[in-house]
Amino acid sequence: MSQTEDTTASLSNQHPPLRGGLEGLPVQHSSPRGDLEGLPVQHSSPRGSWEEHGHYTLRQLNQLVRDAVSDALPDEYWVEAELSECREHGGHCYMELIEKDSRSNTPVARASAKCWRQTWQMVRPYFERATGQPLRAGLKVLLRVYPQFHEAYGFSWIVTDIDPTYTLGDMARRRQEIIRQLKEEGVFDLQRELTVPMFAQRIAVISAATAAGFGDFSRQLADNEYGFRFTVTLFPAIMQGEQVEASVVSALNSIYDRIHDFDVVCILRGGGATADLSGFDTLALAENVAQFPLPIITGIGHERDESILDMVSNTRVKTPTAAAAFLIDHLRQVLERLTTAQQRINMAAAQRIAGDKARLSHLSTLIATLPQRLLSDNRHRIDLLQRRMPIAIERQLTAQKHRIDQLSLKLQGFDPQLLLTRGYSITLLNGKALRDPRQVKPGDIIETRIEKGTIQSIVK
């Protein structure tokens, strides 16, 4: 199989018909090929020049290439590629297609593609309705194309249809990859751990300066029915297109430099086209928002789906006016809590004052009668003491006399004379009681006392 045949086989993998797409519309090759600034397509054979002169002109050689491409690739083919550039001019769309190596991310194939006005007017709104964003650089797309080689303009693929479901699948895969990475980094839920301050009145706003949504937001805060005062500081940013990420991150950095001047941050988008919201689904923007130290409220007007920016923010509302309503309602709830607390404090204070007044009144009555009562009580106690004192003295004297009698009896029990009357005797040596025979020696005079006298003896 030749290289041209191999290319034709690889491209001819037919994609299933698209529901709601351009499948079934007649493919008009003559109109696009004749739309290249009105240049006629020359079909005359260049071989006569070779026979006459032995060489081709550049145009003749390019005609040979055109015919070879047309003969080798006569059909339309579905091709998947990434857009490295996409621009609209004169009603036509000009694209640069690229394929990257899955491991090194380096380009391995490039090609130009064009979508002519008649086709572009049909496929663009269909793609934007299906995907919620316009075609832009960085998107992966599935295009139905046929080849075209023009002698003056070279080779390009002519786009006849676009399959938005392929792009939606790739976008969903990218979103899931970003969410997974944010969770692995541990930052996905950081914003929801923050609490909106009770008095959130100093608001930093990231929005386009001329956006209608920002004007509605500011007016709703200024004209709130409760008379709350809010200070709104705008940090202008691009809120649509490929520059959303860099612009919003720059605004967040500016707010961070004045972090103590604000209570919350609102990222608002309103008044523009509702299709291009892809700028809010990037990893760098999500990381910056998730790790920002102030609570972030998003109101980017995306009611159908939730962007990654919404997922990582502290509070997500649908529109800028809903963000203003949230801030007003938050302050209203704070006011209600303060009012309830004030009522409870007033009630508790009133009850305390009433109780203290009652106690003071009672004490006043007691103080007025207290001296007389004290005097009467003391007189009564003195009378009682006077009546009880003689009896108490008599009882004390009787008790002490009884104790003395008992002590006398005990003392009498210790009298030595009582022992002598019982037949005992006491032997003395030099006037001291003799307890041990070894205390005497021969010749000592000892004295023995008995009941009726004493006896002296000499020790032999």
Protein backbone atom coordinates (compact mmCIF):
# COMPACT_ATOMS: atom_id res chain seq x y z
CA MET A 1 0.00 0.00 0.00
CA SER A 2 1.39 3.44 -0.93
CA GLN A 3 1.80 6.27 1.57
CA THR A 4 -1.10 8.16 0.01
CA GLU A 5 -3.36 5.09 0.20
CA ASP A 6 -2.34 4.52 3.83
CA THR A 7 -3.25 8.12 4.71
CA THR A 8 -6.57 7.77 2.96
CA ALA A 9 -7.37 4.60 4.92
CA SER A 10 -6.51 6.16 8.27
CA LEU A 11 -8.68 9.21 7.63
CA SER A 12 -11.67 7.38 6.24
CA ASN A 13 -12.80 6.05 9.60
CA GLN A 14 -16.32 7.36 9.33
CA HIS A 15 -17.79 9.02 12.44
CA PRO A 16 -21.43 8.23 13.30
CA PRO A 17 -24.04 10.80 12.16
CA LEU A 18 -24.52 13.76 14.50
CA ARG A 19 -27.88 14.43 16.01
CA GLY A 20 -28.82 18.01 15.22
CA GLY A 21 -25.60 18.60 13.24
CA LEU A 22 -25.04 19.14 9.54
CA GLU A 23 -25.23 15.44 8.60
CA GLY A 24 -27.32 14.96 5.55
CA LEU A 25 -26.67 18.43 4.09
CA PRO A 26 -25.25 18.34 0.58
CA VAL A 27 -21.49 18.85 0.50
CA GLN A 28 -20.75 21.53 -2.08
CA HIS A 29 -17.12 21.37 -3.09
CA SER A 30 -17.35 23.79 -5.96
CA SER A 31 -18.43 26.79 -3.87
CA PRO A 32 -15.61 26.71 -1.26
CA ARG A 33 -13.01 25.96 -3.87
CA GLY A 34 -14.16 28.84 -5.95
CA ASP A 35 -14.32 31.18 -2.92
CA LEU A 36 -10.57 31.77 -2.77
CA GLU A 37 -10.77 35.40 -3.81
CA GLY A 38 -12.50 34.45 -7.06
CA LEU A 39 -9.50 32.71 -8.53
CA PRO A 40 -10.52 30.17 -11.17
CA VAL A 41 -9.47 26.62 -10.65
CA GLN A 42 -7.42 25.58 -13.66
CA HIS A 43 -7.93 21.99 -14.71
CA SER A 44 -5.73 22.04 -17.83
CA SER A 45 -3.05 19.39 -17.86
CA PRO A 46 0.48 20.65 -17.20
CA ARG A 47 2.16 17.73 -18.97
CA GLY A 48 2.53 19.62 -22.23
CA SER A 49 5.05 21.94 -20.59
CA TRP A 50 7.22 19.00 -19.57
CA GLU A 51 7.15 17.63 -23.04
CA GLU A 52 7.99 21.01 -24.57
CA HIS A 53 10.51 22.38 -22.07
CA GLY A 54 11.57 19.47 -19.84
CA HIS A 55 10.34 21.21 -16.66
CA TYR A 56 7.17 22.49 -14.89
CA THR A 57 6.19 25.91 -13.75
CA LEU A 58 5.37 26.19 -10.05
CA ARG A 59 1.70 26.55 -10.86
CA GLN A 60 1.77 23.50 -13.08
CA LEU A 61 3.49 21.46 -10.42
CA ASN A 62 0.98 22.63 -7.81
CA GLN A 63 -1.81 21.59 -10.16
CA LEU A 64 -0.35 18.11 -10.19
CA VAL A 65 -0.34 18.11 -6.38
CA ARG A 66 -3.95 19.36 -6.38
CA ASP A 67 -5.05 16.61 -8.71
CA ALA A 68 -3.14 13.99 -6.72
CA VAL A 69 -4.72 15.10 -3.44
CA SER A 70 -8.18 15.22 -4.99
CA ASP A 71 -7.79 11.75 -6.48
CA ALA A 72 -6.22 10.19 -3.35
CA LEU A 73 -8.64 11.74 -0.83
CA PRO A 74 -11.97 12.11 -2.59
CA ASP A 75 -14.18 11.80 0.52
CA GLU A 76 -14.85 13.65 3.77
CA TYR A 77 -13.15 12.41 6.94
CA TRP A 78 -13.56 12.81 10.68
CA VAL A 79 -10.33 13.99 12.31
CA GLU A 80 -9.56 14.76 15.96
CA ALA A 81 -7.13 17.56 16.71
CA GLU A 82 -6.37 20.40 19.09
CA LEU A 83 -6.92 24.01 18.07
CA SER A 84 -3.71 26.01 18.40
CA GLU A 85 -5.34 29.05 16.77
CA CYS A 86 -8.89 29.98 15.86
CA ARG A 87 -9.93 33.31 14.34
CA GLU A 88 -12.87 34.67 12.41
CA HIS A 89 -12.42 36.99 9.44
CA GLY A 90 -14.88 38.09 6.80
CA GLY A 91 -17.47 35.62 8.09
CA HIS A 92 -15.08 32.66 7.63
CA CYS A 93 -13.26 30.78 10.39
CA TYR A 94 -9.56 30.06 10.07
CA MET A 95 -8.05 27.36 12.28
CA GLU A 96 -4.63 25.95 12.97
CA LEU A 97 -4.76 22.29 13.97
CA ILE A 98 -2.15 20.49 16.00
CA GLU A 99 -1.56 17.01 17.44
CA LYS A 100 0.77 16.54 20.42
CA ASP A 101 2.63 13.51 21.66
CA SER A 102 0.80 12.13 24.71
CA ARG A 103 4.02 11.66 26.68
CA SER A 104 6.24 14.59 25.71
CA ASN A 105 3.42 17.03 24.78
CA THR A 106 5.45 18.11 21.74
CA PRO A 107 3.71 18.70 18.39
CA VAL A 108 3.84 15.75 16.02
CA ALA A 109 1.49 17.08 13.32
CA ARG A 110 0.19 20.48 12.13
CA ALA A 111 -2.32 21.61 9.51
CA SER A 112 -4.45 24.59 8.54
CA ALA A 113 -8.23 24.35 8.31
CA LYS A 114 -10.96 26.66 7.09
CA CYS A 115 -14.68 26.78 7.61
CA TRP A 116 -16.40 28.89 4.98
CA ARG A 117 -19.06 31.42 5.83
CA GLN A 118 -22.09 29.37 4.78
CA THR A 119 -21.04 26.41 6.92
CA TRP A 120 -19.62 28.52 9.76
CA GLN A 121 -22.92 30.34 10.26
CA MET A 122 -24.55 27.00 11.03
CA VAL A 123 -21.92 25.07 12.97
CA ARG A 124 -20.80 27.92 15.26
CA PRO A 125 -24.12 28.52 17.11
CA TYR A 126 -24.75 24.77 17.27
CA PHE A 127 -21.32 24.16 18.85
CA GLU A 128 -21.71 27.07 21.32
CA ARG A 129 -25.19 25.96 22.42
CA ALA A 130 -23.97 22.40 22.99
CA THR A 131 -20.70 23.19 24.78
CA GLY A 132 -21.47 26.54 26.42
CA GLN A 133 -18.39 28.18 24.86
CA PRO A 134 -17.02 29.23 21.48
CA LEU A 135 -14.27 27.53 19.58
CA ARG A 136 -10.94 28.73 20.94
CA ALA A 137 -7.30 27.76 21.13
CA GLY A 138 -6.63 24.83 23.42
CA LEU A 139 -9.89 22.95 22.74
CA LYS A 140 -9.83 19.45 21.38
CA VAL A 141 -12.27 19.06 18.50
CA LEU A 142 -13.60 16.43 16.14
CA LEU A 143 -14.00 17.92 12.65
CA ARG A 144 -15.45 16.55 9.43
CA VAL A 145 -13.15 17.72 6.65
CA TYR A 146 -12.13 17.25 3.07
CA PRO A 147 -8.74 18.20 1.62
CA GLN A 148 -8.17 21.18 -0.63
CA PHE A 149 -4.96 22.17 -2.36
CA HIS A 150 -4.90 25.46 -4.25
CA GLU A 151 -2.10 26.44 -6.54
CA ALA A 152 -1.77 29.90 -4.94
CA TYR A 153 -2.73 29.24 -1.32
CA GLY A 154 -1.44 25.77 -0.65
CA PHE A 155 -3.03 22.95 1.33
CA SER A 156 -5.79 23.18 3.94
CA TRP A 157 -8.61 21.08 5.33
CA ILE A 158 -12.08 22.42 4.65
CA VAL A 159 -14.42 21.94 7.63
CA THR A 160 -18.00 20.90 6.90
CA ASP A 161 -19.13 19.88 10.42
CA ILE A 162 -18.02 19.80 14.06
CA ASP A 163 -19.00 17.21 16.68
CA PRO A 164 -19.54 19.08 19.98
CA THR A 165 -20.00 15.85 21.97
CA TYR A 166 -16.31 15.04 21.48
CA THR A 167 -15.29 18.44 22.84
CA LEU A 168 -17.73 18.07 25.73
CA GLY A 169 -16.15 14.73 26.63
CA ASP A 170 -12.66 16.20 26.56
CA MET A 171 -13.80 19.21 28.64
CA ALA A 172 -15.40 16.89 31.19
CA ARG A 173 -12.21 14.83 31.38
CA ARG A 174 -10.14 17.97 31.93
CA ARG A 175 -12.54 19.20 34.60
CA GLN A 176 -12.35 15.91 36.46
CA GLU A 177 -8.56 15.95 36.24
CA ILE A 178 -8.44 19.48 37.71
CA ILE A 179 -10.85 18.53 40.50
CA ARG A 180 -8.80 15.41 41.28
CA GLN A 181 -5.58 17.43 41.42
CA LEU A 182 -7.16 20.07 43.68
CA LYS A 183 -8.32 17.37 46.07
CA GLU A 184 -4.92 15.68 46.05
CA GLU A 185 -3.32 19.04 46.90
CA GLY A 186 -5.76 19.38 49.82
CA VAL A 187 -7.10 22.77 48.69
CA PHE A 188 -10.49 21.85 47.22
CA ASP A 189 -12.45 22.56 50.43
CA LEU A 190 -10.26 25.28 51.97
CA GLN A 191 -12.62 28.14 51.09
CA ARG A 192 -15.61 26.44 52.74
CA GLU A 193 -13.64 26.27 55.99
CA LEU A 194 -13.72 30.08 56.10
CA THR A 195 -16.63 31.96 57.68
CA VAL A 196 -18.13 35.10 56.21
CA PRO A 197 -17.51 37.80 58.88
CA MET A 198 -20.55 39.01 60.83
CA PHE A 199 -20.15 42.55 59.55
CA ALA A 200 -19.20 41.84 55.92
CA GLN A 201 -19.51 45.38 54.60
CA ARG A 202 -16.11 46.01 52.95
CA ILE A 203 -16.45 44.27 49.60
CA ALA A 204 -13.68 43.72 47.05
CA VAL A 205 -15.21 43.06 43.63
CA ILE A 206 -13.52 41.43 40.65
CA SER A 207 -15.50 42.24 37.52
CA ALA A 208 -15.39 44.05 34.22
CA ALA A 209 -15.69 47.78 34.92
CA THR A 210 -18.42 48.27 32.31
CA ALA A 211 -20.34 45.09 33.04
CA ALA A 212 -24.06 45.53 33.63
CA GLY A 213 -23.88 42.91 36.37
CA PHE A 214 -21.44 44.97 38.42
CA GLY A 215 -23.71 48.01 38.10
CA ASP A 216 -26.73 45.99 39.24
CA PHE A 217 -24.69 44.60 42.15
CA SER A 218 -23.59 48.07 43.32
CA ARG A 219 -27.08 49.57 43.01
CA GLN A 220 -28.70 46.74 44.93
CA LEU A 221 -26.23 47.14 47.80
CA ALA A 222 -26.63 50.92 47.87
CA ASP A 223 -30.46 50.85 47.76
CA ASN A 224 -31.07 48.03 50.26
CA GLU A 225 -34.23 48.44 52.32
CA TYR A 226 -32.46 48.17 55.67
CA GLY A 227 -30.16 51.12 55.14
CA PHE A 228 -27.01 49.01 55.49
CA ARG A 229 -23.85 50.71 54.27
CA PHE A 230 -21.42 48.79 52.10
CA THR A 231 -18.05 49.90 50.77
CA VAL A 232 -17.44 48.44 47.31
CA THR A 233 -13.98 48.53 45.69
CA LEU A 234 -13.68 47.36 42.09
CA PHE A 235 -10.63 45.49 40.82
CA PRO A 236 -11.20 45.43 37.03
CA ALA A 237 -10.60 42.16 35.21
CA ILE A 238 -11.35 40.51 31.90
CA MET A 239 -14.25 38.15 32.47
CA GLN A 240 -14.55 36.49 29.07
CA GLY A 241 -12.14 34.79 26.70
CA GLU A 242 -8.68 33.35 27.05
CA GLN A 243 -7.37 36.11 29.34
CA VAL A 244 -9.82 35.40 32.19
CA GLU A 245 -7.38 33.32 34.23
CA ALA A 246 -4.44 35.74 34.17
CA SER A 247 -6.65 38.80 34.67
CA VAL A 248 -8.60 37.41 37.66
CA VAL A 249 -5.43 36.05 39.31
CA SER A 250 -3.83 39.50 38.92
CA ALA A 251 -6.86 41.10 40.57
CA LEU A 252 -6.67 38.61 43.45
CA ASN A 253 -3.01 39.53 43.95
CA SER A 254 -3.95 43.21 44.11
CA ILE A 255 -6.60 42.47 46.74
CA TYR A 256 -4.10 40.40 48.73
CA ASP A 257 -1.81 43.43 48.92
CA ARG A 258 -4.68 45.21 50.77
CA ILE A 259 -6.04 42.15 52.55
CA HIS A 260 -6.87 44.01 55.78
CA ASP A 261 -9.10 46.50 53.93
CA PHE A 262 -11.75 43.93 52.99
CA ASP A 263 -14.10 41.38 54.55
CA VAL A 264 -15.05 39.31 51.48
CA VAL A 265 -14.31 39.08 47.74
CA CYS A 266 -16.99 38.86 45.04
CA ILE A 267 -16.15 37.55 41.56
CA LEU A 268 -18.95 38.78 39.30
CA ARG A 269 -19.77 38.34 35.66
CA GLY A 270 -22.90 39.65 33.98
CA GLY A 271 -24.10 41.53 31.00
CA GLY A 272 -21.84 39.76 28.47
CA ALA A 273 -22.21 36.69 26.31
CA THR A 274 -23.25 33.63 28.25
CA ALA A 275 -21.34 31.16 26.09
CA ASP A 276 -17.70 31.64 27.08
CA LEU A 277 -17.26 30.46 30.65
CA SER A 278 -14.34 28.13 30.05
CA GLY A 279 -11.91 30.63 31.59
CA PHE A 280 -13.35 29.79 35.01
CA ASP A 281 -12.44 26.09 34.66
CA THR A 282 -8.64 26.36 34.89
CA LEU A 283 -6.32 24.85 37.48
CA ALA A 284 -4.30 28.00 38.20
CA LEU A 285 -7.40 30.11 38.85
CA ALA A 286 -8.98 27.41 41.02
CA GLU A 287 -5.78 27.08 43.10
CA ASN A 288 -5.59 30.83 43.68
CA VAL A 289 -9.25 31.09 44.68
CA ALA A 290 -9.19 27.96 46.89
CA GLN A 291 -6.18 29.21 48.88
CA PHE A 292 -7.24 32.87 49.17
CA PRO A 293 -7.46 33.93 52.84
CA LEU A 294 -10.77 35.82 52.48
CA PRO A 295 -14.15 34.18 51.73
CA ILE A 296 -14.91 34.41 48.01
CA ILE A 297 -18.46 34.68 46.64
CA THR A 298 -18.97 33.83 42.96
CA GLY A 299 -21.79 35.16 40.81
CA ILE A 300 -20.76 34.55 37.23
CA GLY A 301 -24.22 34.05 35.73
CA HIS A 302 -23.82 30.37 34.96
CA GLU A 303 -27.18 28.82 35.84
CA ARG A 304 -26.94 25.58 33.85
CA ASP A 305 -23.67 24.11 35.11
CA GLU A 306 -21.33 24.66 38.00
CA SER A 307 -17.85 25.84 37.08
CA ILE A 308 -14.74 24.70 38.96
CA LEU A 309 -14.46 28.27 40.26
CA ASP A 310 -17.92 27.83 41.82
CA MET A 311 -16.90 24.50 43.35
CA VAL A 312 -13.87 25.85 45.21
CA SER A 313 -15.38 29.18 46.30
CA ASN A 314 -16.86 29.80 49.74
CA THR A 315 -20.33 30.64 48.43
CA ARG A 316 -21.76 30.23 44.94
CA VAL A 317 -24.75 32.23 43.67
CA LYS A 318 -26.10 32.47 40.15
CA THR A 319 -25.89 36.18 39.35
CA PRO A 320 -24.32 39.43 40.60
CA THR A 321 -27.67 40.56 41.99
CA ALA A 322 -27.95 37.27 43.88
CA ALA A 323 -24.49 37.98 45.38
CA ALA A 324 -25.73 41.40 46.54
CA ALA A 325 -28.87 39.78 47.98
CA PHE A 326 -26.70 37.25 49.84
CA LEU A 327 -24.60 39.99 51.47
CA ILE A 328 -27.69 42.02 52.41
CA ASP A 329 -29.44 38.96 53.84
CA HIS A 330 -26.28 37.98 55.76
CA LEU A 331 -26.19 41.41 57.40
CA ARG A 332 -29.94 41.23 58.04
CA GLN A 333 -29.49 37.95 59.91
CA VAL A 334 -26.70 39.53 61.95
CA LEU A 335 -28.99 42.47 62.75
CA GLU A 336 -31.76 40.08 63.83
CA ARG A 337 -29.34 38.21 66.11
CA LEU A 338 -28.13 41.46 67.60
CA THR A 339 -31.71 42.68 68.08
CA THR A 340 -32.67 39.40 69.75
CA ALA A 341 -29.58 39.53 71.96
CA GLN A 342 -30.35 43.14 72.87
CA GLN A 343 -33.92 42.23 73.80
CA ARG A 344 -32.67 39.36 75.97
CA ILE A 345 -30.13 41.61 77.65
CA ASN A 346 -32.78 44.29 78.30
CA MET A 347 -35.17 41.69 79.71
CA ALA A 348 -32.50 40.12 81.91
CA ALA A 349 -31.40 43.56 83.12
CA ALA A 350 -34.99 44.57 83.89
CA GLN A 351 -35.56 41.34 85.82
CA ARG A 352 -32.33 41.83 87.73
CA ILE A 353 -33.19 45.43 88.58
CA ALA A 354 -36.69 44.41 89.72
CA GLY A 355 -35.25 41.66 91.91
CA ASP A 356 -32.65 44.00 93.41
CA LYS A 357 -35.32 46.59 94.13
CA ALA A 358 -37.43 44.02 95.95
CA ARG A 359 -34.42 42.91 98.00
CA LEU A 360 -33.51 46.49 98.84
CA SER A 361 -37.08 47.20 99.93
CA HIS A 362 -37.04 44.17 102.17
CA LEU A 363 -33.65 45.14 103.60
CA SER A 364 -34.90 48.67 104.27
CA THR A 365 -37.77 47.26 106.29
CA LEU A 366 -35.42 44.96 108.17
CA ILE A 367 -32.94 47.76 108.91
CA ALA A 368 -35.67 49.98 110.34
CA THR A 369 -36.71 47.32 112.92
CA LEU A 370 -33.30 45.72 113.38
CA PRO A 371 -32.01 47.79 116.39
CA GLN A 372 -35.16 47.21 118.44
CA ARG A 373 -35.14 43.52 117.59
CA LEU A 374 -31.47 43.22 118.48
CA LEU A 375 -32.03 45.01 121.80
CA SER A 376 -35.03 42.82 122.63
CA ASP A 377 -33.14 39.67 121.71
CA ASN A 378 -30.12 40.66 123.85
CA ARG A 379 -32.33 41.45 126.83
CA HIS A 380 -33.99 38.10 126.50
CA ARG A 381 -30.60 36.35 126.37
CA ILE A 382 -29.43 38.27 129.47
CA ASP A 383 -32.57 37.25 131.39
CA LEU A 384 -32.00 33.65 130.43
CA LEU A 385 -28.37 33.84 131.54
CA GLN A 386 -29.35 35.42 134.86
CA ARG A 387 -31.81 32.62 135.55
CA ARG A 388 -29.47 29.87 134.46
CA MET A 389 -26.28 31.14 136.13
CA PRO A 390 -27.00 30.09 139.81
CA ILE A 391 -28.04 26.64 138.72
CA ALA A 392 -24.97 26.33 136.54
CA ILE A 393 -22.69 27.51 139.37
CA GLU A 394 -24.25 25.03 141.79
CA ARG A 395 -23.83 22.22 139.33
CA GLN A 396 -20.20 23.17 138.76
CA LEU A 397 -19.44 23.31 142.51
CA THR A 398 -21.07 19.91 143.11
CA ALA A 399 -19.08 18.37 140.27
CA GLN A 400 -15.78 19.79 141.55
CA LYS A 401 -16.49 18.64 145.14
CA HIS A 402 -17.19 15.14 143.88
CA ARG A 403 -13.92 15.17 141.99
CA ILE A 404 -12.00 16.31 145.10
CA ASP A 405 -13.53 13.46 147.12
CA GLN A 406 -12.43 10.96 144.54
CA LEU A 407 -8.88 12.35 144.55
CA SER A 408 -8.78 12.14 148.39
CA LEU A 409 -9.73 8.49 148.27
CA LYS A 410 -7.00 7.83 145.73
CA LEU A 411 -4.41 9.63 147.90
CA GLN A 412 -5.40 7.63 150.93
CA GLY A 413 -4.73 4.45 148.94
CA PHE A 414 -1.10 5.54 148.57
CA ASP A 415 -0.50 6.09 152.41
CA PRO A 416 2.31 3.68 153.65
CA GLN A 417 0.71 3.44 157.08
CA LEU A 418 -2.19 1.52 155.56
CA LEU A 419 0.27 -1.09 154.31
CA LEU A 420 1.80 -1.44 157.83
CA THR A 421 -1.63 -2.06 159.36
CA ARG A 422 -2.03 -4.95 156.96
CA GLY A 423 1.07 -6.66 158.33
CA TYR A 424 3.64 -5.34 155.91
CA SER A 425 6.95 -3.78 157.06
CA ILE A 426 9.42 -1.31 155.55
CA THR A 427 13.22 -1.70 155.97
CA LEU A 428 15.26 1.52 155.80
CA LEU A 429 18.97 2.07 155.37
CA ASN A 430 20.09 5.52 156.25
CA GLY A 431 16.46 6.68 156.03
CA LYS A 432 15.88 5.22 152.57
CA ALA A 433 13.82 2.17 151.70
CA LEU A 434 15.97 -0.93 151.19
CA ARG A 435 15.07 -2.83 148.05
CA ASP A 436 18.09 -5.08 147.34
CA PRO A 437 20.13 -7.12 149.96
CA ARG A 438 23.26 -6.28 148.08
CA GLN A 439 22.83 -2.70 149.18
CA VAL A 440 24.01 -3.57 152.75
CA LYS A 441 27.23 -4.89 154.12
CA PRO A 442 28.18 -6.38 157.51
CA GLY A 443 28.04 -3.84 160.25
CA ASP A 444 25.34 -1.65 158.63
CA ILE A 445 22.52 -0.64 160.96
CA ILE A 446 19.10 -1.03 159.33
CA GLU A 447 15.70 0.04 160.65
CA THR A 448 12.50 -1.96 160.22
CA ARG A 449 9.13 -0.19 160.60
CA ILE A 450 6.04 -2.14 161.56
CA GLU A 451 2.49 -1.11 162.50
CA LYS A 452 3.26 -0.30 166.16
CA GLY A 453 6.90 0.75 166.18
CA THR A 454 10.42 0.29 164.73
CA ILE A 455 13.20 -2.32 165.12
CA GLN A 456 16.90 -1.61 164.60
CA SER A 457 19.24 -4.41 163.50
CA ILE A 458 22.96 -4.86 162.75
CA VAL A 459 23.96 -6.74 159.65
CA LYS A 460 26.42 -9.59 160.26
